[in-house]
Amino acid sequence: MAKIVIEVGQEMDGATFRLSPKTRVFLSSRFKDIRPPTSVFVSNETALDFERFYGPLREELVTILTGLRESDLQKVGEVEFVDPARGKVLLDSIPSR
């Protein structure tokens, strides 16, 4: 199974989430009719622990960024949130719904 990699750009007032280029190519080759947004910005008022603030939103972010229904996500594989600049995993891999 493939892995959905979501790249995260952290900023002082929030974070920008986007599919990695490889993930975008993989999903577009398997699901021809999806047209998800390129990125999603989620703002926050204070710099909080990343997992505590964004962890509860991970399923919604995956759905928005991939454009896939729950049944399709189950077929794809794991999901991982990473900081591409540092090569660091920000949220542990989670199984797709």
PDB file of N, CA and C in Angstrom:
ATOM      1  N   MET A   1       0.835  -1.187   0.000  1.00  0.00           N
ATOM      2  CA  MET A   1       0.000   0.000   0.000  1.00  0.00           C
ATOM      3  C   MET A   1       0.880   1.252   0.000  1.00  0.00           C
ATOM      4  N   ALA A   2       0.383   2.275  -0.595  1.00  0.00           N
ATOM      5  CA  ALA A   2       1.098   3.541  -0.660  1.00  0.00           C
ATOM      6  C   ALA A   2       0.904   4.314   0.632  1.00  0.00           C
ATOM      7  N   LYS A   3       1.651   5.388   0.754  1.00  0.00           N
ATOM      8  CA  LYS A   3       1.521   6.262   1.908  1.00  0.00           C
ATOM      9  C   LYS A   3       1.151   7.651   1.406  1.00  0.00           C
ATOM     10  N   ILE A   4       0.153   8.250   2.026  1.00  0.00           N
ATOM     11  CA  ILE A   4      -0.200   9.629   1.725  1.00  0.00           C
ATOM     12  C   ILE A   4       0.681  10.505   2.602  1.00  0.00           C
ATOM     13  N   VAL A   5       1.497  11.341   1.969  1.00  0.00           N
ATOM     14  CA  VAL A   5       2.383  12.231   2.706  1.00  0.00           C
ATOM     15  C   VAL A   5       1.853  13.652   2.575  1.00  0.00           C
ATOM     16  N   ILE A   6       1.574  14.244   3.721  1.00  0.00           N
ATOM     17  CA  ILE A   6       1.112  15.625   3.770  1.00  0.00           C
ATOM     18  C   ILE A   6       2.234  16.470   4.335  1.00  0.00           C
ATOM     19  N   GLU A   7       2.688  17.424   3.535  1.00  0.00           N
ATOM     20  CA  GLU A   7       3.760  18.320   3.953  1.00  0.00           C
ATOM     21  C   GLU A   7       3.163  19.492   4.723  1.00  0.00           C
ATOM     22  N   VAL A   8       3.862  19.882   5.780  1.00  0.00           N
ATOM     23  CA  VAL A   8       3.362  20.929   6.669  1.00  0.00           C
ATOM     24  C   VAL A   8       4.390  22.049   6.753  1.00  0.00           C
ATOM     25  N   GLY A   9       3.943  23.248   6.439  1.00  0.00           N
ATOM     26  CA  GLY A   9       4.767  24.434   6.611  1.00  0.00           C
ATOM     27  C   GLY A   9       4.262  25.196   7.814  1.00  0.00           C
ATOM     28  N   GLN A  10       5.047  25.205   8.878  1.00  0.00           N
ATOM     29  CA  GLN A  10       4.618  25.883  10.099  1.00  0.00           C
ATOM     30  C   GLN A  10       4.984  27.359  10.047  1.00  0.00           C
ATOM     31  N   GLU A  11       4.046  28.173  10.477  1.00  0.00           N
ATOM     32  CA  GLU A  11       4.238  29.612  10.524  1.00  0.00           C
ATOM     33  C   GLU A  11       3.854  30.100  11.914  1.00  0.00           C
ATOM     34  N   MET A  12       4.130  31.342  12.217  1.00  0.00           N
ATOM     35  CA  MET A  12       3.813  31.861  13.552  1.00  0.00           C
ATOM     36  C   MET A  12       2.315  31.837  13.840  1.00  0.00           C
ATOM     37  N   ASP A  13       1.510  32.047  12.817  1.00  0.00           N
ATOM     38  CA  ASP A  13       0.068  32.156  13.047  1.00  0.00           C
ATOM     39  C   ASP A  13      -0.713  30.957  12.516  1.00  0.00           C
ATOM     40  N   GLY A  14      -0.030  29.828  12.265  1.00  0.00           N
ATOM     41  CA  GLY A  14      -0.727  28.647  11.794  1.00  0.00           C
ATOM     42  C   GLY A  14       0.165  27.727  10.995  1.00  0.00           C
ATOM     43  N   ALA A  15      -0.453  26.937  10.142  1.00  0.00           N
ATOM     44  CA  ALA A  15       0.298  25.983   9.328  1.00  0.00           C
ATOM     45  C   ALA A  15      -0.389  25.794   7.988  1.00  0.00           C
ATOM     46  N   THR A  16       0.421  25.571   6.959  1.00  0.00           N
ATOM     47  CA  THR A  16      -0.083  25.277   5.627  1.00  0.00           C
ATOM     48  C   THR A  16       0.155  23.798   5.352  1.00  0.00           C
ATOM     49  N   PHE A  17      -0.887  23.113   4.899  1.00  0.00           N
ATOM     50  CA  PHE A  17      -0.842  21.683   4.622  1.00  0.00           C
ATOM     51  C   PHE A  17      -1.008  21.477   3.121  1.00  0.00           C
ATOM     52  N   ARG A  18      -0.193  20.562   2.539  1.00  0.00           N
ATOM     53  CA  ARG A  18      -0.332  20.226   1.121  1.00  0.00           C
ATOM     54  C   ARG A  18       0.152  18.801   0.906  1.00  0.00           C
ATOM     55  N   LEU A  19      -0.362  18.169  -0.130  1.00  0.00           N
ATOM     56  CA  LEU A  19       0.109  16.834  -0.476  1.00  0.00           C
ATOM     57  C   LEU A  19       1.517  16.932  -1.035  1.00  0.00           C
ATOM     58  N   SER A  20       2.353  15.944  -0.730  1.00  0.00           N
ATOM     59  CA  SER A  20       3.684  15.917  -1.331  1.00  0.00           C
ATOM     60  C   SER A  20       3.506  15.722  -2.842  1.00  0.00           C
ATOM     61  N   PRO A  21       4.468  16.160  -3.628  1.00  0.00           N
ATOM     62  CA  PRO A  21       4.351  15.972  -5.083  1.00  0.00           C
ATOM     63  C   PRO A  21       4.147  14.506  -5.483  1.00  0.00           C
ATOM     64  N   LYS A  22       4.862  13.585  -4.845  1.00  0.00           N
ATOM     65  CA  LYS A  22       4.711  12.160  -5.177  1.00  0.00           C
ATOM     66  C   LYS A  22       3.301  11.670  -4.839  1.00  0.00           C
ATOM     67  N   THR A  23       2.772  12.120  -3.716  1.00  0.00           N
ATOM     68  CA  THR A  23       1.416  11.718  -3.321  1.00  0.00           C
ATOM     69  C   THR A  23       0.402  12.260  -4.316  1.00  0.00           C
ATOM     70  N   ARG A  24       0.566  13.503  -4.730  1.00  0.00           N
ATOM     71  CA  ARG A  24      -0.353  14.121  -5.692  1.00  0.00           C
ATOM     72  C   ARG A  24      -0.360  13.336  -7.008  1.00  0.00           C
ATOM     73  N   VAL A  25       0.820  12.960  -7.499  1.00  0.00           N
ATOM     74  CA  VAL A  25       0.921  12.185  -8.743  1.00  0.00           C
ATOM     75  C   VAL A  25       0.274  10.814  -8.566  1.00  0.00           C
ATOM     76  N   PHE A  26       0.571  10.159  -7.458  1.00  0.00           N
ATOM     77  CA  PHE A  26       0.000   8.837  -7.200  1.00  0.00           C
ATOM     78  C   PHE A  26      -1.528   8.892  -7.164  1.00  0.00           C
ATOM     79  N   LEU A  27      -2.081   9.844  -6.415  1.00  0.00           N
ATOM     80  CA  LEU A  27      -3.540   9.926  -6.295  1.00  0.00           C
ATOM     81  C   LEU A  27      -4.192  10.294  -7.627  1.00  0.00           C
ATOM     82  N   SER A  28      -3.576  11.200  -8.373  1.00  0.00           N
ATOM     83  CA  SER A  28      -4.188  11.592  -9.652  1.00  0.00           C
ATOM     84  C   SER A  28      -4.143  10.451 -10.670  1.00  0.00           C
ATOM     85  N   SER A  29      -3.179   9.542 -10.525  1.00  0.00           N
ATOM     86  CA  SER A  29      -3.136   8.397 -11.441  1.00  0.00           C
ATOM     87  C   SER A  29      -4.184   7.340 -11.084  1.00  0.00           C
ATOM     88  N   ARG A  30      -4.568   7.274  -9.827  1.00  0.00           N
ATOM     89  CA  ARG A  30      -5.559   6.275  -9.389  1.00  0.00           C
ATOM     90  C   ARG A  30      -6.981   6.798  -9.368  1.00  0.00           C
ATOM     91  N   PHE A  31      -7.137   8.107  -9.138  1.00  0.00           N
ATOM     92  CA  PHE A  31      -8.464   8.706  -9.018  1.00  0.00           C
ATOM     93  C   PHE A  31      -8.531   9.890  -9.976  1.00  0.00           C
ATOM     94  N   LYS A  32      -8.976   9.634 -11.179  1.00  0.00           N
ATOM     95  CA  LYS A  32      -8.949  10.630 -12.262  1.00  0.00           C
ATOM     96  C   LYS A  32      -9.893  11.812 -12.050  1.00  0.00           C
ATOM     97  N   ASP A  33     -10.972  11.611 -11.300  1.00  0.00           N
ATOM     98  CA  ASP A  33     -11.996  12.647 -11.176  1.00  0.00           C
ATOM     99  C   ASP A  33     -11.817  13.595  -9.993  1.00  0.00           C
ATOM    100  N   ILE A  34     -10.786  13.423  -9.184  1.00  0.00           N
ATOM    101  CA  ILE A  34     -10.638  14.296  -8.019  1.00  0.00           C
ATOM    102  C   ILE A  34      -9.884  15.569  -8.393  1.00  0.00           C
ATOM    103  N   ARG A  35     -10.278  16.651  -7.795  1.00  0.00           N
ATOM    104  CA  ARG A  35      -9.640  17.946  -7.991  1.00  0.00           C
ATOM    105  C   ARG A  35      -9.529  18.647  -6.635  1.00  0.00           C
ATOM    106  N   PRO A  36      -8.681  18.129  -5.743  1.00  0.00           N
ATOM    107  CA  PRO A  36      -8.578  18.733  -4.417  1.00  0.00           C
ATOM    108  C   PRO A  36      -7.820  20.058  -4.459  1.00  0.00           C
ATOM    109  N   PRO A  37      -7.929  20.860  -3.406  1.00  0.00           N
ATOM    110  CA  PRO A  37      -7.179  22.118  -3.355  1.00  0.00           C
ATOM    111  C   PRO A  37      -5.681  21.825  -3.269  1.00  0.00           C
ATOM    112  N   THR A  38      -4.886  22.770  -3.692  1.00  0.00           N
ATOM    113  CA  THR A  38      -3.432  22.611  -3.652  1.00  0.00           C
ATOM    114  C   THR A  38      -2.914  22.637  -2.223  1.00  0.00           C
ATOM    115  N   SER A  39      -3.507  23.508  -1.393  1.00  0.00           N
ATOM    116  CA  SER A  39      -3.073  23.610   0.000  1.00  0.00           C
ATOM    117  C   SER A  39      -4.221  24.122   0.860  1.00  0.00           C
ATOM    118  N   VAL A  40      -4.048  23.925   2.159  1.00  0.00           N
ATOM    119  CA  VAL A  40      -5.016  24.404   3.141  1.00  0.00           C
ATOM    120  C   VAL A  40      -4.231  25.069   4.259  1.00  0.00           C
ATOM    121  N   PHE A  41      -4.628  26.294   4.618  1.00  0.00           N
ATOM    122  CA  PHE A  41      -3.997  27.003   5.735  1.00  0.00           C
ATOM    123  C   PHE A  41      -4.940  26.971   6.928  1.00  0.00           C
ATOM    124  N   VAL A  42      -4.399  26.597   8.095  1.00  0.00           N
ATOM    125  CA  VAL A  42      -5.178  26.596   9.325  1.00  0.00           C
ATOM    126  C   VAL A  42      -4.467  27.536  10.290  1.00  0.00           C
ATOM    127  N   SER A  43      -5.179  28.572  10.702  1.00  0.00           N
ATOM    128  CA  SER A  43      -4.561  29.546  11.597  1.00  0.00           C
ATOM    129  C   SER A  43      -4.799  29.172  13.055  1.00  0.00           C
ATOM    130  N   ASN A  44      -3.930  29.680  13.899  1.00  0.00           N
ATOM    131  CA  ASN A  44      -4.098  29.543  15.343  1.00  0.00           C
ATOM    132  C   ASN A  44      -3.565  30.810  15.998  1.00  0.00           C
ATOM    133  N   GLU A  45      -4.065  31.093  17.174  1.00  0.00           N
ATOM    134  CA  GLU A  45      -3.700  32.340  17.832  1.00  0.00           C
ATOM    135  C   GLU A  45      -2.381  32.259  18.577  1.00  0.00           C
ATOM    136  N   THR A  46      -2.020  31.080  19.028  1.00  0.00           N
ATOM    137  CA  THR A  46      -0.778  30.925  19.774  1.00  0.00           C
ATOM    138  C   THR A  46      -0.006  29.734  19.227  1.00  0.00           C
ATOM    139  N   ALA A  47       1.274  29.723  19.478  1.00  0.00           N
ATOM    140  CA  ALA A  47       2.105  28.590  19.066  1.00  0.00           C
ATOM    141  C   ALA A  47       1.914  27.473  20.092  1.00  0.00           C
ATOM    142  N   LEU A  48       1.137  26.480  19.730  1.00  0.00           N
ATOM    143  CA  LEU A  48       0.853  25.363  20.615  1.00  0.00           C
ATOM    144  C   LEU A  48       1.599  24.125  20.143  1.00  0.00           C
ATOM    145  N   ASP A  49       1.587  23.118  20.983  1.00  0.00           N
ATOM    146  CA  ASP A  49       2.137  21.826  20.600  1.00  0.00           C
ATOM    147  C   ASP A  49       1.446  21.375  19.328  1.00  0.00           C
ATOM    148  N   PHE A  50       2.232  21.048  18.301  1.00  0.00           N
ATOM    149  CA  PHE A  50       1.673  20.738  16.981  1.00  0.00           C
ATOM    150  C   PHE A  50       0.641  19.623  17.038  1.00  0.00           C
ATOM    151  N   GLU A  51       0.996  18.513  17.670  1.00  0.00           N
ATOM    152  CA  GLU A  51       0.081  17.370  17.680  1.00  0.00           C
ATOM    153  C   GLU A  51      -1.193  17.675  18.459  1.00  0.00           C
ATOM    154  N   ARG A  52      -1.066  18.404  19.548  1.00  0.00           N
ATOM    155  CA  ARG A  52      -2.256  18.724  20.348  1.00  0.00           C
ATOM    156  C   ARG A  52      -3.205  19.636  19.578  1.00  0.00           C
ATOM    157  N   PHE A  53      -2.660  20.589  18.808  1.00  0.00           N
ATOM    158  CA  PHE A  53      -3.507  21.533  18.094  1.00  0.00           C
ATOM    159  C   PHE A  53      -4.052  20.948  16.797  1.00  0.00           C
ATOM    160  N   TYR A  54      -3.190  20.322  16.003  1.00  0.00           N
ATOM    161  CA  TYR A  54      -3.602  19.844  14.680  1.00  0.00           C
ATOM    162  C   TYR A  54      -4.025  18.379  14.653  1.00  0.00           C
ATOM    163  N   GLY A  55      -3.629  17.611  15.654  1.00  0.00           N
ATOM    164  CA  GLY A  55      -3.979  16.192  15.691  1.00  0.00           C
ATOM    165  C   GLY A  55      -5.458  15.916  15.496  1.00  0.00           C
ATOM    166  N   PRO A  56      -6.347  16.619  16.225  1.00  0.00           N
ATOM    167  CA  PRO A  56      -7.784  16.381  16.049  1.00  0.00           C
ATOM    168  C   PRO A  56      -8.311  16.735  14.655  1.00  0.00           C
ATOM    169  N   LEU A  57      -7.568  17.527  13.903  1.00  0.00           N
ATOM    170  CA  LEU A  57      -7.994  17.934  12.555  1.00  0.00           C
ATOM    171  C   LEU A  57      -7.453  17.030  11.463  1.00  0.00           C
ATOM    172  N   ARG A  58      -6.623  16.066  11.814  1.00  0.00           N
ATOM    173  CA  ARG A  58      -5.916  15.305  10.776  1.00  0.00           C
ATOM    174  C   ARG A  58      -6.850  14.607   9.806  1.00  0.00           C
ATOM    175  N   GLU A  59      -7.924  14.008  10.280  1.00  0.00           N
ATOM    176  CA  GLU A  59      -8.832  13.303   9.363  1.00  0.00           C
ATOM    177  C   GLU A  59      -9.499  14.267   8.390  1.00  0.00           C
ATOM    178  N   GLU A  60      -9.917  15.422   8.891  1.00  0.00           N
ATOM    179  CA  GLU A  60     -10.543  16.416   8.020  1.00  0.00           C
ATOM    180  C   GLU A  60      -9.549  16.943   6.996  1.00  0.00           C
ATOM    181  N   LEU A  61      -8.305  17.188   7.420  1.00  0.00           N
ATOM    182  CA  LEU A  61      -7.286  17.675   6.491  1.00  0.00           C
ATOM    183  C   LEU A  61      -7.005  16.657   5.388  1.00  0.00           C
ATOM    184  N   VAL A  62      -6.949  15.384   5.751  1.00  0.00           N
ATOM    185  CA  VAL A  62      -6.717  14.333   4.755  1.00  0.00           C
ATOM    186  C   VAL A  62      -7.854  14.310   3.745  1.00  0.00           C
ATOM    187  N   THR A  63      -9.082  14.401   4.226  1.00  0.00           N
ATOM    188  CA  THR A  63     -10.247  14.388   3.331  1.00  0.00           C
ATOM    189  C   THR A  63     -10.239  15.593   2.396  1.00  0.00           C
ATOM    190  N   ILE A  64      -9.957  16.763   2.931  1.00  0.00           N
ATOM    191  CA  ILE A  64      -9.951  17.980   2.116  1.00  0.00           C
ATOM    192  C   ILE A  64      -8.835  17.934   1.074  1.00  0.00           C
ATOM    193  N   LEU A  65      -7.632  17.567   1.496  1.00  0.00           N
ATOM    194  CA  LEU A  65      -6.484  17.602   0.596  1.00  0.00           C
ATOM    195  C   LEU A  65      -6.501  16.507  -0.460  1.00  0.00           C
ATOM    196  N   THR A  66      -7.073  15.369  -0.145  1.00  0.00           N
ATOM    197  CA  THR A  66      -7.099  14.289  -1.133  1.00  0.00           C
ATOM    198  C   THR A  66      -8.346  14.333  -2.001  1.00  0.00           C
ATOM    199  N   GLY A  67      -9.432  14.863  -1.466  1.00  0.00           N
ATOM    200  CA  GLY A  67     -10.690  14.870  -2.196  1.00  0.00           C
ATOM    201  C   GLY A  67     -11.346  13.499  -2.255  1.00  0.00           C
ATOM    202  N   LEU A  68     -10.864  12.572  -1.432  1.00  0.00           N
ATOM    203  CA  LEU A  68     -11.376  11.203  -1.466  1.00  0.00           C
ATOM    204  C   LEU A  68     -12.418  10.943  -0.390  1.00  0.00           C
ATOM    205  N   ARG A  69     -13.326  10.041  -0.709  1.00  0.00           N
ATOM    206  CA  ARG A  69     -14.312   9.592   0.263  1.00  0.00           C
ATOM    207  C   ARG A  69     -13.648   8.585   1.202  1.00  0.00           C
ATOM    208  N   GLU A  70     -14.298   8.340   2.319  1.00  0.00           N
ATOM    209  CA  GLU A  70     -13.769   7.414   3.317  1.00  0.00           C
ATOM    210  C   GLU A  70     -13.471   6.042   2.719  1.00  0.00           C
ATOM    211  N   SER A  71     -14.363   5.538   1.891  1.00  0.00           N
ATOM    212  CA  SER A  71     -14.170   4.213   1.289  1.00  0.00           C
ATOM    213  C   SER A  71     -12.932   4.177   0.390  1.00  0.00           C
ATOM    214  N   ASP A  72     -12.643   5.279  -0.305  1.00  0.00           N
ATOM    215  CA  ASP A  72     -11.451   5.339  -1.155  1.00  0.00           C
ATOM    216  C   ASP A  72     -10.179   5.452  -0.325  1.00  0.00           C
ATOM    217  N   LEU A  73     -10.253   6.211   0.763  1.00  0.00           N
ATOM    218  CA  LEU A  73      -9.079   6.372   1.618  1.00  0.00           C
ATOM    219  C   LEU A  73      -8.651   5.043   2.242  1.00  0.00           C
ATOM    220  N   GLN A  74      -9.595   4.183   2.530  1.00  0.00           N
ATOM    221  CA  GLN A  74      -9.282   2.878   3.118  1.00  0.00           C
ATOM    222  C   GLN A  74      -8.435   2.034   2.176  1.00  0.00           C
ATOM    223  N   LYS A  75      -8.538   2.280   0.891  1.00  0.00           N
ATOM    224  CA  LYS A  75      -7.806   1.498  -0.116  1.00  0.00           C
ATOM    225  C   LYS A  75      -6.387   2.019  -0.352  1.00  0.00           C
ATOM    226  N   VAL A  76      -6.097   3.226   0.100  1.00  0.00           N
ATOM    227  CA  VAL A  76      -4.840   3.873  -0.269  1.00  0.00           C
ATOM    228  C   VAL A  76      -3.680   3.494   0.648  1.00  0.00           C
ATOM    229  N   GLY A  77      -3.833   3.584   1.944  1.00  0.00           N
ATOM    230  CA  GLY A  77      -2.728   3.268   2.840  1.00  0.00           C
ATOM    231  C   GLY A  77      -2.661   4.214   4.012  1.00  0.00           C
ATOM    232  N   GLU A  78      -1.458   4.380   4.535  1.00  0.00           N
ATOM    233  CA  GLU A  78      -1.253   5.217   5.706  1.00  0.00           C
ATOM    234  C   GLU A  78      -1.157   6.688   5.335  1.00  0.00           C
ATOM    235  N   VAL A  79      -1.268   7.529   6.373  1.00  0.00           N
ATOM    236  CA  VAL A  79      -1.138   8.972   6.204  1.00  0.00           C
ATOM    237  C   VAL A  79      -0.057   9.461   7.156  1.00  0.00           C
ATOM    238  N   GLU A  80       0.805  10.342   6.648  1.00  0.00           N
ATOM    239  CA  GLU A  80       1.874  10.871   7.475  1.00  0.00           C
ATOM    240  C   GLU A  80       1.990  12.375   7.242  1.00  0.00           C
ATOM    241  N   PHE A  81       2.139  13.125   8.313  1.00  0.00           N
ATOM    242  CA  PHE A  81       2.333  14.566   8.255  1.00  0.00           C
ATOM    243  C   PHE A  81       3.810  14.839   8.524  1.00  0.00           C
ATOM    244  N   VAL A  82       4.474  15.524   7.583  1.00  0.00           N
ATOM    245  CA  VAL A  82       5.913  15.753   7.712  1.00  0.00           C
ATOM    246  C   VAL A  82       6.275  17.213   7.482  1.00  0.00           C
ATOM    247  N   ASP A  83       7.391  17.616   8.078  1.00  0.00           N
ATOM    248  CA  ASP A  83       7.994  18.915   7.802  1.00  0.00           C
ATOM    249  C   ASP A  83       9.048  18.653   6.732  1.00  0.00           C
ATOM    250  N   PRO A  84       8.794  19.030   5.478  1.00  0.00           N
ATOM    251  CA  PRO A  84       9.727  18.689   4.405  1.00  0.00           C
ATOM    252  C   PRO A  84      11.081  19.386   4.536  1.00  0.00           C
ATOM    253  N   ALA A  85      11.118  20.544   5.157  1.00  0.00           N
ATOM    254  CA  ALA A  85      12.375  21.278   5.301  1.00  0.00           C
ATOM    255  C   ALA A  85      13.329  20.557   6.245  1.00  0.00           C
ATOM    256  N   ARG A  86      12.784  19.953   7.284  1.00  0.00           N
ATOM    257  CA  ARG A  86      13.618  19.257   8.276  1.00  0.00           C
ATOM    258  C   ARG A  86      13.575  17.742   8.135  1.00  0.00           C
ATOM    259  N   GLY A  87      12.678  17.236   7.279  1.00  0.00           N
ATOM    260  CA  GLY A  87      12.548  15.802   7.125  1.00  0.00           C
ATOM    261  C   GLY A  87      12.030  15.121   8.379  1.00  0.00           C
ATOM    262  N   LYS A  88      11.258  15.844   9.149  1.00  0.00           N
ATOM    263  CA  LYS A  88      10.779  15.348  10.439  1.00  0.00           C
ATOM    264  C   LYS A  88       9.300  14.987  10.353  1.00  0.00           C
ATOM    265  N   VAL A  89       8.933  13.841  10.926  1.00  0.00           N
ATOM    266  CA  VAL A  89       7.533  13.451  11.006  1.00  0.00           C
ATOM    267  C   VAL A  89       6.903  14.225  12.160  1.00  0.00           C
ATOM    268  N   LEU A  90       5.826  14.957  11.866  1.00  0.00           N
ATOM    269  CA  LEU A  90       5.169  15.775  12.873  1.00  0.00           C
ATOM    270  C   LEU A  90       4.039  15.046  13.583  1.00  0.00           C
ATOM    271  N   LEU A  91       3.327  14.231  12.846  1.00  0.00           N
ATOM    272  CA  LEU A  91       2.281  13.389  13.419  1.00  0.00           C
ATOM    273  C   LEU A  91       2.571  11.978  12.982  1.00  0.00           C
ATOM    274  N   ASP A  92       2.493  11.055  13.927  1.00  0.00           N
ATOM    275  CA  ASP A  92       2.741   9.651  13.602  1.00  0.00           C
ATOM    276  C   ASP A  92       1.839   9.209  12.479  1.00  0.00           C
ATOM    277  N   SER A  93       2.314   8.225  11.765  1.00  0.00           N
ATOM    278  CA  SER A  93       1.500   7.643  10.695  1.00  0.00           C
ATOM    279  C   SER A  93       0.194   7.138  11.278  1.00  0.00           C
ATOM    280  N   ILE A  94      -0.868   7.373  10.546  1.00  0.00           N
ATOM    281  CA  ILE A  94      -2.173   6.881  10.971  1.00  0.00           C
ATOM    282  C   ILE A  94      -2.753   6.085   9.823  1.00  0.00           C
ATOM    283  N   PRO A  95      -3.489   5.037  10.124  1.00  0.00           N
ATOM    284  CA  PRO A  95      -4.129   4.314   9.030  1.00  0.00           C
ATOM    285  C   PRO A  95      -5.218   5.175   8.433  1.00  0.00           C
ATOM    286  N   SER A  96      -5.388   5.099   7.139  1.00  0.00           N
ATOM    287  CA  SER A  96      -6.518   5.789   6.501  1.00  0.00           C
ATOM    288  C   SER A  96      -7.796   5.237   7.076  1.00  0.00           C
ATOM    289  N   ARG A  97      -8.816   6.062   7.048  1.00  0.00           N
ATOM    290  CA  ARG A  97     -10.094   5.641   7.648  1.00  0.00           C
ATOM    291  C   ARG A  97     -10.676   4.464   6.968  1.00  0.00           C
TER     292      ARG A  97
END
